[in-house]
Every structure is written in C-alpha cells, then in structure tokens.
C-alpha cells in the first residue's frame, strides 16, 4: 500500500527567491501547564514552478522528494490570493 503524502495549508511570507516560496503554517497547541491555546508557526520552503504565488497568499503544500538543501515541499494549489496594498511615500505625508 502506497503511503499518502503529507499536506499542509499555510500563508506565503516570502516570495523573493526564484521558484521558491516560504510558507508559514500555524498550528494551535495547548500549554501543558496553563492550558492556554498558543499558536506555533513552522516555516517551510516550497517549490513554486512558474512563480505564481505572491506575498500573503494562502496555499496548499505537499511533501515531496528533496529538491535542494532545504526544499522538501511543493506548492500544489493557491487557495486564496493575498491583497497587498502598496503605499507610496508621497501618500503617507
């Protein structure tokens, strides 16, 4: 029986590299003593063939074979596009 590959849903926090995005996946955890819910964020470097992901997009990534020293994930789909507003310095003053 073939094992299913792991998938995660996260937000793109960096798209500055060519064909690579950094995806932050947040998971809620309960504190063992105080029982308060904490958010734990893990960053994955994922392969983005075609550079279609942008900053603040919500994407689904899938585990794959090692593509480089740190890349072990691949972007399978862009769920929602992020809307980053660019403000010019003249508009601030």
C-alpha atoms as a PDB file:
ATOM      1  CA  UNK A   1       0.000   0.000   0.000  1.00  0.00           C
ATOM      2  CA  UNK A   2       1.369   3.371  -1.002  1.00  0.00           C
ATOM      3  CA  UNK A   3       1.555   5.956   1.773  1.00  0.00           C
ATOM      4  CA  UNK A   4      -0.182   9.300   1.283  1.00  0.00           C
ATOM      5  CA  UNK A   5       1.996  12.375   1.222  1.00  0.00           C
ATOM      6  CA  UNK A   6       1.651  14.955   3.972  1.00  0.00           C
ATOM      7  CA  UNK A   7      -0.152  18.179   3.078  1.00  0.00           C
ATOM      8  CA  UNK A   8      -0.263  21.491   4.915  1.00  0.00           C
ATOM      9  CA  UNK A   9      -2.147  24.755   4.410  1.00  0.00           C
ATOM     10  CA  UNK A  10      -0.273  27.957   5.162  1.00  0.00           C
ATOM     11  CA  UNK A  11       0.407  31.561   4.244  1.00  0.00           C
ATOM     12  CA  UNK A  12       3.232  32.765   1.991  1.00  0.00           C
ATOM     13  CA  UNK A  13       5.570  35.009   3.995  1.00  0.00           C
ATOM     14  CA  UNK A  14       8.311  35.399   1.374  1.00  0.00           C
ATOM     15  CA  UNK A  15       8.415  35.106  -2.414  1.00  0.00           C
ATOM     16  CA  UNK A  16      11.763  36.773  -3.118  1.00  0.00           C
ATOM     17  CA  UNK A  17      13.552  33.642  -4.335  1.00  0.00           C
ATOM     18  CA  UNK A  18      13.201  32.255  -7.838  1.00  0.00           C
ATOM     19  CA  UNK A  19      10.776  29.272  -7.951  1.00  0.00           C
ATOM     20  CA  UNK A  20      10.734  29.108  -4.135  1.00  0.00           C
ATOM     21  CA  UNK A  21       8.332  30.463  -1.525  1.00  0.00           C
ATOM     22  CA  UNK A  22       8.462  30.386   2.259  1.00  0.00           C
ATOM     23  CA  UNK A  23       5.173  29.175   3.735  1.00  0.00           C
ATOM     24  CA  UNK A  24       4.303  29.676   7.415  1.00  0.00           C
ATOM     25  CA  UNK A  25       1.977  27.013   8.807  1.00  0.00           C
ATOM     26  CA  UNK A  26       0.362  27.838  12.156  1.00  0.00           C
ATOM     27  CA  UNK A  27      -0.925  25.099  14.437  1.00  0.00           C
ATOM     28  CA  UNK A  28      -2.760  25.707  17.714  1.00  0.00           C
ATOM     29  CA  UNK A  29      -1.274  23.953  20.757  1.00  0.00           C
ATOM     30  CA  UNK A  30      -2.438  23.853  24.375  1.00  0.00           C
ATOM     31  CA  UNK A  31       0.092  24.822  27.017  1.00  0.00           C
ATOM     32  CA  UNK A  32       0.766  21.755  29.175  1.00  0.00           C
ATOM     33  CA  UNK A  33       0.546  23.623  32.500  1.00  0.00           C
ATOM     34  CA  UNK A  34      -1.605  26.704  31.906  1.00  0.00           C
ATOM     35  CA  UNK A  35      -3.954  25.166  29.278  1.00  0.00           C
ATOM     36  CA  UNK A  36      -3.945  28.349  27.207  1.00  0.00           C
ATOM     37  CA  UNK A  37      -4.037  27.916  23.440  1.00  0.00           C
ATOM     38  CA  UNK A  38      -0.818  29.042  21.772  1.00  0.00           C
ATOM     39  CA  UNK A  39      -0.049  29.368  18.079  1.00  0.00           C
ATOM     40  CA  UNK A  40       3.061  27.603  16.862  1.00  0.00           C
ATOM     41  CA  UNK A  41       4.367  28.662  13.446  1.00  0.00           C
ATOM     42  CA  UNK A  42       6.657  26.488  11.338  1.00  0.00           C
ATOM     43  CA  UNK A  43       8.200  27.799   8.115  1.00  0.00           C
ATOM     44  CA  UNK A  44       8.624  25.520   5.102  1.00  0.00           C
ATOM     45  CA  UNK A  45      10.437  26.292   1.865  1.00  0.00           C
ATOM     46  CA  UNK A  46       8.287  25.086  -1.014  1.00  0.00           C
ATOM     47  CA  UNK A  47       8.920  24.757  -4.746  1.00  0.00           C
ATOM     48  CA  UNK A  48       6.745  27.101  -6.840  1.00  0.00           C
ATOM     49  CA  UNK A  49       7.170  26.251 -10.519  1.00  0.00           C
ATOM     50  CA  UNK A  50       6.134  29.293 -12.544  1.00  0.00           C
ATOM     51  CA  UNK A  51       6.391  31.803  -9.655  1.00  0.00           C
ATOM     52  CA  UNK A  52       2.590  32.047  -9.388  1.00  0.00           C
ATOM     53  CA  UNK A  53       2.460  32.571  -5.602  1.00  0.00           C
ATOM     54  CA  UNK A  54       2.607  36.048  -4.131  1.00  0.00           C
ATOM     55  CA  UNK A  55       3.026  37.501  -0.689  1.00  0.00           C
ATOM     56  CA  UNK A  56       0.167  36.754   1.764  1.00  0.00           C
ATOM     57  CA  UNK A  57      -1.407  34.050  -0.452  1.00  0.00           C
ATOM     58  CA  UNK A  58      -2.949  31.030   1.235  1.00  0.00           C
ATOM     59  CA  UNK A  59      -1.521  27.894  -0.365  1.00  0.00           C
ATOM     60  CA  UNK A  60      -1.597  24.118  -0.014  1.00  0.00           C
ATOM     61  CA  UNK A  61       1.805  22.412   0.006  1.00  0.00           C
ATOM     62  CA  UNK A  62       2.636  18.732  -0.362  1.00  0.00           C
ATOM     63  CA  UNK A  63       5.639  16.747   0.801  1.00  0.00           C
ATOM     64  CA  UNK A  64       7.987  15.649  -1.971  1.00  0.00           C
ATOM     65  CA  UNK A  65      11.497  14.328  -2.560  1.00  0.00           C
ATOM     66  CA  UNK A  66      14.393  16.650  -1.641  1.00  0.00           C
ATOM     67  CA  UNK A  67      14.644  19.344  -4.306  1.00  0.00           C
ATOM     68  CA  UNK A  68      17.533  21.266  -2.720  1.00  0.00           C
ATOM     69  CA  UNK A  69      19.270  21.537   0.631  1.00  0.00           C
ATOM     70  CA  UNK A  70      16.186  22.945   2.410  1.00  0.00           C
ATOM     71  CA  UNK A  71      13.293  22.374  -0.029  1.00  0.00           C
ATOM     72  CA  UNK A  72      11.199  19.276   0.687  1.00  0.00           C
ATOM     73  CA  UNK A  73       7.736  20.663  -0.165  1.00  0.00           C
ATOM     74  CA  UNK A  74       5.915  21.617  -3.373  1.00  0.00           C
ATOM     75  CA  UNK A  75       3.024  24.074  -3.870  1.00  0.00           C
ATOM     76  CA  UNK A  76       0.006  22.139  -5.168  1.00  0.00           C
ATOM     77  CA  UNK A  77      -2.594  24.923  -5.291  1.00  0.00           C
ATOM     78  CA  UNK A  78      -3.181  28.563  -4.451  1.00  0.00           C
ATOM     79  CA  UNK A  79      -6.332  28.662  -2.306  1.00  0.00           C
ATOM     80  CA  UNK A  80      -6.742  32.448  -1.970  1.00  0.00           C
ATOM     81  CA  UNK A  81      -4.734  35.341  -3.357  1.00  0.00           C
ATOM     82  CA  UNK A  82      -3.449  37.883  -0.847  1.00  0.00           C
ATOM     83  CA  UNK A  83      -4.092  41.555  -1.374  1.00  0.00           C
ATOM     84  CA  UNK A  84      -1.011  43.589  -0.520  1.00  0.00           C
ATOM     85  CA  UNK A  85      -1.540  47.335  -0.733  1.00  0.00           C
ATOM     86  CA  UNK A  86       1.478  49.269  -1.943  1.00  0.00           C
ATOM     87  CA  UNK A  87       1.747  52.753  -0.420  1.00  0.00           C
ATOM     88  CA  UNK A  88       3.973  55.364  -1.986  1.00  0.00           C
ATOM     89  CA  UNK A  89       5.988  57.671   0.316  1.00  0.00           C
ATOM     90  CA  UNK A  90       4.070  60.704  -1.005  1.00  0.00           C
ATOM     91  CA  UNK A  91       0.764  59.237   0.188  1.00  0.00           C
ATOM     92  CA  UNK A  92       1.951  58.904   3.814  1.00  0.00           C
ATOM     93  CA  UNK A  93       2.745  62.595   4.325  1.00  0.00           C
END
